[in-house]
Amino acid sequence: MQTPPDIPPEESLIEYPCNFVIKVMGAAIPEFREKVFNIAGRHDPRFNESRVTERYSKTQKYLSLSLTIYAQNREQLDAIYTELTACELTQWVL
């Protein structure tokens, strides 16, 4: 995975702390949802399932999760993106 470029805080478009939505897609199996929720909880102690919206693909084969994370800094977001991307059940992360 390519490392994101270092962006000085004054040039960042994100003002921390803030609520930040991360979209994750994977196979529509219970293990995918559980794994993503565990990863989110490790990086955001405030995370809970009420801050997630779900959407299935037309064929019901894939599940897209939109997680609202309480982002405190860039390092936290980078860490959660890295772990979600490395997850074997994840197809993509936005």
N, C-alpha and C. Protein backbone atom coordinates (compact mmCIF):
# COMPACT_ATOMS: atom_id res chain seq x y z
N MET A 1 0.84 -1.19 0.00
CA MET A 1 0.00 0.00 0.00
C MET A 1 0.88 1.24 0.00
N GLN A 2 0.52 2.21 -0.77
CA GLN A 2 1.28 3.44 -0.88
C GLN A 2 1.01 4.32 0.34
N THR A 3 2.05 4.92 0.88
CA THR A 3 1.93 5.81 2.02
C THR A 3 1.41 7.16 1.55
N PRO A 4 0.38 7.71 2.24
CA PRO A 4 -0.12 9.03 1.83
C PRO A 4 0.95 10.10 2.03
N PRO A 5 0.94 11.13 1.20
CA PRO A 5 1.93 12.18 1.35
C PRO A 5 1.71 12.94 2.66
N ASP A 6 2.81 13.42 3.23
CA ASP A 6 2.69 14.23 4.44
C ASP A 6 2.12 15.59 4.07
N ILE A 7 1.01 15.92 4.70
CA ILE A 7 0.36 17.20 4.46
C ILE A 7 0.48 18.02 5.74
N PRO A 8 1.11 19.20 5.65
CA PRO A 8 1.22 20.03 6.85
C PRO A 8 -0.18 20.35 7.40
N PRO A 9 -0.34 20.41 8.73
CA PRO A 9 -1.65 20.68 9.33
C PRO A 9 -2.35 21.90 8.76
N GLU A 10 -1.60 22.94 8.44
CA GLU A 10 -2.22 24.16 7.92
C GLU A 10 -2.77 23.99 6.50
N GLU A 11 -2.36 22.92 5.80
CA GLU A 11 -2.85 22.67 4.45
C GLU A 11 -3.93 21.59 4.40
N SER A 12 -4.19 20.96 5.51
CA SER A 12 -5.19 19.89 5.56
C SER A 12 -6.59 20.47 5.37
N LEU A 13 -7.43 19.74 4.66
CA LEU A 13 -8.82 20.15 4.47
C LEU A 13 -9.69 19.68 5.63
N ILE A 14 -9.13 18.87 6.49
CA ILE A 14 -9.87 18.33 7.63
C ILE A 14 -9.46 19.08 8.89
N GLU A 15 -10.46 19.55 9.62
CA GLU A 15 -10.19 20.19 10.90
C GLU A 15 -10.52 19.20 12.01
N TYR A 16 -9.50 18.86 12.79
CA TYR A 16 -9.67 17.88 13.87
C TYR A 16 -9.97 18.60 15.17
N PRO A 17 -10.67 17.94 16.07
CA PRO A 17 -11.39 16.68 15.91
C PRO A 17 -12.67 16.90 15.12
N CYS A 18 -13.16 15.80 14.52
CA CYS A 18 -14.38 15.88 13.71
C CYS A 18 -14.98 14.49 13.51
N ASN A 19 -16.22 14.47 13.09
CA ASN A 19 -16.83 13.21 12.65
C ASN A 19 -16.39 13.00 11.22
N PHE A 20 -16.00 11.77 10.89
CA PHE A 20 -15.45 11.46 9.58
C PHE A 20 -16.04 10.14 9.11
N VAL A 21 -16.56 10.10 7.89
CA VAL A 21 -17.18 8.88 7.37
C VAL A 21 -16.16 8.09 6.54
N ILE A 22 -16.07 6.80 6.86
CA ILE A 22 -15.22 5.87 6.13
C ILE A 22 -16.13 4.81 5.53
N LYS A 23 -15.99 4.55 4.24
CA LYS A 23 -16.80 3.52 3.57
C LYS A 23 -15.93 2.29 3.34
N VAL A 24 -16.48 1.15 3.71
CA VAL A 24 -15.77 -0.12 3.60
C VAL A 24 -16.69 -1.12 2.91
N MET A 25 -16.15 -1.86 1.93
CA MET A 25 -16.96 -2.85 1.23
C MET A 25 -16.30 -4.21 1.29
N GLY A 26 -17.14 -5.23 1.47
CA GLY A 26 -16.65 -6.60 1.50
C GLY A 26 -17.79 -7.57 1.25
N ALA A 27 -17.50 -8.85 1.38
CA ALA A 27 -18.52 -9.87 1.18
C ALA A 27 -19.59 -9.74 2.25
N ALA A 28 -20.83 -10.01 1.88
CA ALA A 28 -21.97 -9.88 2.80
C ALA A 28 -22.04 -11.11 3.71
N ILE A 29 -21.05 -11.21 4.59
CA ILE A 29 -21.01 -12.31 5.57
C ILE A 29 -20.88 -11.70 6.96
N PRO A 30 -21.40 -12.36 7.98
CA PRO A 30 -21.35 -11.80 9.34
C PRO A 30 -19.93 -11.47 9.81
N GLU A 31 -18.95 -12.28 9.40
CA GLU A 31 -17.57 -12.05 9.82
C GLU A 31 -17.03 -10.72 9.33
N PHE A 32 -17.46 -10.28 8.14
CA PHE A 32 -16.99 -9.00 7.60
C PHE A 32 -17.44 -7.85 8.51
N ARG A 33 -18.70 -7.80 8.82
CA ARG A 33 -19.24 -6.75 9.68
C ARG A 33 -18.54 -6.76 11.05
N GLU A 34 -18.41 -7.94 11.63
CA GLU A 34 -17.78 -8.07 12.95
C GLU A 34 -16.33 -7.58 12.93
N LYS A 35 -15.60 -7.99 11.91
CA LYS A 35 -14.18 -7.61 11.80
C LYS A 35 -14.04 -6.09 11.65
N VAL A 36 -14.86 -5.48 10.79
CA VAL A 36 -14.80 -4.03 10.58
C VAL A 36 -15.16 -3.28 11.86
N PHE A 37 -16.19 -3.73 12.56
CA PHE A 37 -16.59 -3.08 13.81
C PHE A 37 -15.48 -3.17 14.86
N ASN A 38 -14.81 -4.32 14.93
CA ASN A 38 -13.70 -4.47 15.88
C ASN A 38 -12.55 -3.53 15.56
N ILE A 39 -12.22 -3.41 14.28
CA ILE A 39 -11.15 -2.50 13.86
C ILE A 39 -11.52 -1.06 14.21
N ALA A 40 -12.74 -0.66 13.88
CA ALA A 40 -13.19 0.71 14.16
C ALA A 40 -13.14 1.00 15.65
N GLY A 41 -13.57 0.04 16.46
CA GLY A 41 -13.57 0.23 17.91
C GLY A 41 -12.18 0.36 18.51
N ARG A 42 -11.20 -0.30 17.91
CA ARG A 42 -9.81 -0.19 18.39
C ARG A 42 -9.26 1.22 18.17
N HIS A 43 -9.70 1.86 17.10
CA HIS A 43 -9.15 3.17 16.75
C HIS A 43 -10.01 4.33 17.24
N ASP A 44 -11.26 4.07 17.56
CA ASP A 44 -12.17 5.11 18.05
C ASP A 44 -12.98 4.56 19.22
N PRO A 45 -12.59 4.90 20.44
CA PRO A 45 -13.31 4.40 21.62
C PRO A 45 -14.78 4.80 21.64
N ARG A 46 -15.15 5.85 20.93
CA ARG A 46 -16.54 6.31 20.88
C ARG A 46 -17.38 5.55 19.86
N PHE A 47 -16.74 4.76 19.03
CA PHE A 47 -17.45 4.08 17.95
C PHE A 47 -18.50 3.12 18.50
N ASN A 48 -19.68 3.13 17.86
CA ASN A 48 -20.70 2.12 18.15
C ASN A 48 -21.53 1.89 16.89
N GLU A 49 -22.26 0.80 16.89
CA GLU A 49 -22.99 0.36 15.70
C GLU A 49 -24.07 1.34 15.25
N SER A 50 -24.52 2.20 16.15
CA SER A 50 -25.55 3.17 15.75
C SER A 50 -24.99 4.22 14.79
N ARG A 51 -23.67 4.26 14.63
CA ARG A 51 -23.03 5.23 13.75
C ARG A 51 -22.62 4.60 12.41
N VAL A 52 -23.36 3.54 12.04
CA VAL A 52 -23.06 2.80 10.81
C VAL A 52 -24.32 2.71 9.95
N THR A 53 -24.15 2.94 8.66
CA THR A 53 -25.24 2.64 7.72
C THR A 53 -24.75 1.52 6.81
N GLU A 54 -25.68 0.65 6.43
CA GLU A 54 -25.35 -0.51 5.60
C GLU A 54 -26.12 -0.47 4.30
N ARG A 55 -25.49 -0.99 3.28
CA ARG A 55 -26.16 -1.09 1.98
C ARG A 55 -25.64 -2.34 1.26
N TYR A 56 -26.56 -3.18 0.85
CA TYR A 56 -26.20 -4.39 0.13
C TYR A 56 -26.17 -4.12 -1.37
N SER A 57 -25.34 -4.90 -2.08
CA SER A 57 -25.33 -4.82 -3.53
C SER A 57 -26.63 -5.40 -4.08
N LYS A 58 -26.90 -5.16 -5.34
CA LYS A 58 -28.14 -5.67 -5.95
C LYS A 58 -28.28 -7.18 -5.82
N THR A 59 -27.17 -7.87 -5.88
CA THR A 59 -27.19 -9.33 -5.80
C THR A 59 -27.11 -9.84 -4.35
N GLN A 60 -26.98 -8.92 -3.40
CA GLN A 60 -26.84 -9.26 -1.98
C GLN A 60 -25.51 -9.98 -1.69
N LYS A 61 -24.58 -9.94 -2.63
CA LYS A 61 -23.29 -10.62 -2.46
C LYS A 61 -22.31 -9.76 -1.66
N TYR A 62 -22.43 -8.44 -1.78
CA TYR A 62 -21.51 -7.53 -1.11
C TYR A 62 -22.26 -6.60 -0.16
N LEU A 63 -21.52 -6.14 0.85
CA LEU A 63 -22.07 -5.22 1.84
C LEU A 63 -21.16 -4.00 1.94
N SER A 64 -21.76 -2.83 1.86
CA SER A 64 -21.03 -1.58 2.02
C SER A 64 -21.41 -0.99 3.38
N LEU A 65 -20.41 -0.67 4.17
CA LEU A 65 -20.61 -0.08 5.49
C LEU A 65 -20.07 1.34 5.49
N SER A 66 -20.87 2.28 5.93
CA SER A 66 -20.42 3.66 6.12
C SER A 66 -20.29 3.90 7.60
N LEU A 67 -19.05 4.03 8.06
CA LEU A 67 -18.76 4.18 9.49
C LEU A 67 -18.49 5.64 9.81
N THR A 68 -19.15 6.18 10.80
CA THR A 68 -18.82 7.53 11.25
C THR A 68 -17.87 7.39 12.42
N ILE A 69 -16.66 7.88 12.21
CA ILE A 69 -15.58 7.80 13.19
C ILE A 69 -15.37 9.19 13.79
N TYR A 70 -15.06 9.25 15.07
CA TYR A 70 -14.67 10.52 15.68
C TYR A 70 -13.16 10.63 15.51
N ALA A 71 -12.75 11.38 14.49
CA ALA A 71 -11.34 11.51 14.14
C ALA A 71 -10.69 12.60 14.97
N GLN A 72 -9.64 12.22 15.67
CA GLN A 72 -8.93 13.18 16.51
C GLN A 72 -7.69 13.76 15.84
N ASN A 73 -7.11 13.01 14.88
CA ASN A 73 -5.92 13.50 14.17
C ASN A 73 -5.66 12.64 12.93
N ARG A 74 -4.74 13.08 12.13
CA ARG A 74 -4.39 12.40 10.88
C ARG A 74 -3.82 11.01 11.13
N GLU A 75 -3.02 10.89 12.17
CA GLU A 75 -2.40 9.61 12.48
C GLU A 75 -3.47 8.55 12.78
N GLN A 76 -4.52 8.94 13.49
CA GLN A 76 -5.60 8.01 13.80
C GLN A 76 -6.29 7.54 12.51
N LEU A 77 -6.60 8.48 11.62
CA LEU A 77 -7.23 8.11 10.34
C LEU A 77 -6.32 7.22 9.51
N ASP A 78 -5.04 7.55 9.44
CA ASP A 78 -4.10 6.72 8.68
C ASP A 78 -4.06 5.30 9.24
N ALA A 79 -4.07 5.17 10.56
CA ALA A 79 -4.00 3.85 11.19
C ALA A 79 -5.25 3.02 10.90
N ILE A 80 -6.41 3.63 10.98
CA ILE A 80 -7.63 2.86 10.70
C ILE A 80 -7.72 2.48 9.23
N TYR A 81 -7.36 3.39 8.33
CA TYR A 81 -7.35 3.06 6.90
C TYR A 81 -6.37 1.92 6.62
N THR A 82 -5.21 1.96 7.22
CA THR A 82 -4.20 0.92 7.01
C THR A 82 -4.72 -0.43 7.48
N GLU A 83 -5.32 -0.47 8.66
CA GLU A 83 -5.81 -1.75 9.18
C GLU A 83 -7.01 -2.26 8.38
N LEU A 84 -7.92 -1.38 8.02
CA LEU A 84 -9.07 -1.81 7.21
C LEU A 84 -8.64 -2.32 5.85
N THR A 85 -7.68 -1.66 5.23
CA THR A 85 -7.18 -2.07 3.92
C THR A 85 -6.46 -3.42 4.00
N ALA A 86 -5.77 -3.67 5.10
CA ALA A 86 -5.03 -4.92 5.26
C ALA A 86 -5.94 -6.10 5.62
N CYS A 87 -7.15 -5.83 6.03
CA CYS A 87 -8.09 -6.89 6.42
C CYS A 87 -8.40 -7.78 5.22
N GLU A 88 -8.27 -9.08 5.40
CA GLU A 88 -8.48 -10.03 4.31
C GLU A 88 -9.92 -10.09 3.82
N LEU A 89 -10.88 -9.58 4.60
CA LEU A 89 -12.29 -9.61 4.21
C LEU A 89 -12.73 -8.35 3.47
N THR A 90 -11.86 -7.35 3.44
CA THR A 90 -12.19 -6.07 2.84
C THR A 90 -11.87 -6.05 1.35
N GLN A 91 -12.83 -5.57 0.55
CA GLN A 91 -12.60 -5.41 -0.89
C GLN A 91 -12.01 -4.03 -1.20
N TRP A 92 -12.57 -2.99 -0.58
CA TRP A 92 -12.03 -1.64 -0.73
C TRP A 92 -12.46 -0.74 0.43
N VAL A 93 -11.70 0.35 0.59
CA VAL A 93 -11.94 1.33 1.65
C VAL A 93 -11.85 2.72 1.02
N LEU A 94 -12.84 3.55 1.31
CA LEU A 94 -12.81 4.95 0.85
C LEU A 94 -12.91 5.87 2.04
